[in-house]
Amino acid sequence: MTGGYAANLTGLVCTPQAPVDAETRLRLQVQTPVILWEFHLQDAPDIKAGDKFVVAGVKYPVKTVEPYVWLPTDDTRMRIIVEDARN
């Protein structure tokens, strides 16, 4: 469901927001004047660029999604990069 909310994805386990560094911005070719945050999620939920990600009542548009394998446990995780247009 691109661009919308999916109730079945409530209760995801994620890291606190962290700022996206300049190297990542350059690598992903993300050109935006707003603040970018990244979250890391357990598993690989069905989240795509263009979706909305809600954390603590704040709605963030998802810019990009990167699944990866967490080597210590060999399970799939996901890094999502979101825009914070509140500033």
Protein backbone atom coordinates (compact mmCIF):
# COMPACT_ATOMS: atom_id res chain seq x y z
CA MET A 1 0.00 0.00 0.00
CA THR A 2 2.25 2.78 -1.22
CA GLY A 3 1.69 6.18 0.32
CA GLY A 4 -0.68 5.00 3.01
CA TYR A 5 -0.79 3.49 6.45
CA ALA A 6 -0.95 -0.21 7.18
CA ALA A 7 -2.43 -1.15 10.55
CA ASN A 8 -0.87 -4.61 10.37
CA LEU A 9 2.58 -3.06 10.80
CA THR A 10 1.98 -1.62 14.25
CA GLY A 11 4.35 -2.53 17.08
CA LEU A 12 7.53 -2.77 14.99
CA VAL A 13 10.80 -2.97 16.90
CA CYS A 14 13.13 -0.18 15.78
CA THR A 15 16.11 1.83 16.93
CA PRO A 16 15.72 5.45 17.98
CA GLN A 17 16.04 7.92 15.14
CA ALA A 18 19.57 8.86 14.10
CA PRO A 19 20.68 11.57 11.69
CA VAL A 20 21.69 10.46 8.20
CA ASP A 21 25.35 11.28 7.54
CA ALA A 22 26.64 13.17 4.49
CA GLU A 23 28.27 10.05 2.99
CA THR A 24 24.95 8.17 3.03
CA ARG A 25 23.13 11.16 1.50
CA LEU A 26 25.68 11.22 -1.32
CA ARG A 27 25.62 7.43 -1.88
CA LEU A 28 21.83 7.32 -2.03
CA GLN A 29 21.68 10.51 -4.10
CA VAL A 30 19.09 11.96 -1.75
CA GLN A 31 18.76 15.65 -2.49
CA THR A 32 16.37 17.30 -0.06
CA PRO A 33 16.59 20.43 2.09
CA VAL A 34 14.82 18.80 5.06
CA ILE A 35 16.36 16.75 7.87
CA LEU A 36 16.79 13.04 7.15
CA TRP A 37 16.60 10.40 9.89
CA GLU A 38 17.31 6.69 9.76
CA PHE A 39 15.72 3.87 11.71
CA HIS A 40 16.80 0.22 11.83
CA LEU A 41 14.03 -2.35 12.14
CA GLN A 42 14.02 -6.00 13.12
CA ASP A 43 12.85 -8.31 10.35
CA ALA A 44 12.02 -6.85 6.94
CA PRO A 45 8.47 -5.50 7.09
CA ASP A 46 6.64 -4.50 3.91
CA ILE A 47 7.74 -0.86 3.86
CA LYS A 48 8.56 0.92 0.60
CA ALA A 49 9.76 4.35 -0.47
CA GLY A 50 6.73 6.64 -0.53
CA ASP A 51 5.06 4.98 2.47
CA LYS A 52 4.54 6.82 5.74
CA PHE A 53 6.31 5.67 8.92
CA VAL A 54 4.82 6.77 12.25
CA VAL A 55 6.93 6.84 15.43
CA ALA A 56 5.60 8.30 18.68
CA GLY A 57 2.83 10.05 16.77
CA VAL A 58 5.18 11.73 14.28
CA LYS A 59 4.52 10.90 10.61
CA TYR A 60 7.59 10.60 8.40
CA PRO A 61 7.58 10.08 4.61
CA VAL A 62 9.87 7.16 3.72
CA LYS A 63 12.60 8.20 1.24
CA THR A 64 14.43 4.89 0.85
CA VAL A 65 14.55 1.36 2.27
CA GLU A 66 17.59 -0.92 2.58
CA PRO A 67 17.20 -4.52 3.74
CA TYR A 68 20.38 -6.12 5.10
CA VAL A 69 21.54 -9.23 6.93
CA TRP A 70 22.52 -8.79 10.58
CA LEU A 71 25.64 -10.96 10.71
CA PRO A 72 25.69 -11.84 14.43
CA THR A 73 22.33 -13.63 14.12
CA ASP A 74 22.10 -14.02 10.32
CA ASP A 75 18.58 -12.56 10.27
CA THR A 76 17.19 -9.89 7.95
CA ARG A 77 16.89 -6.32 9.18
CA MET A 78 15.84 -3.11 7.48
CA ARG A 79 17.20 0.40 7.45
CA ILE A 80 14.73 3.08 6.44
CA ILE A 81 15.51 6.71 5.73
CA VAL A 82 12.74 9.22 6.33
CA GLU A 83 12.20 12.96 5.92
CA ASP A 84 11.42 15.22 8.83
CA ALA A 85 9.59 18.16 7.25
CA ARG A 86 8.62 19.68 10.60
CA ASN A 87 11.62 22.05 10.61
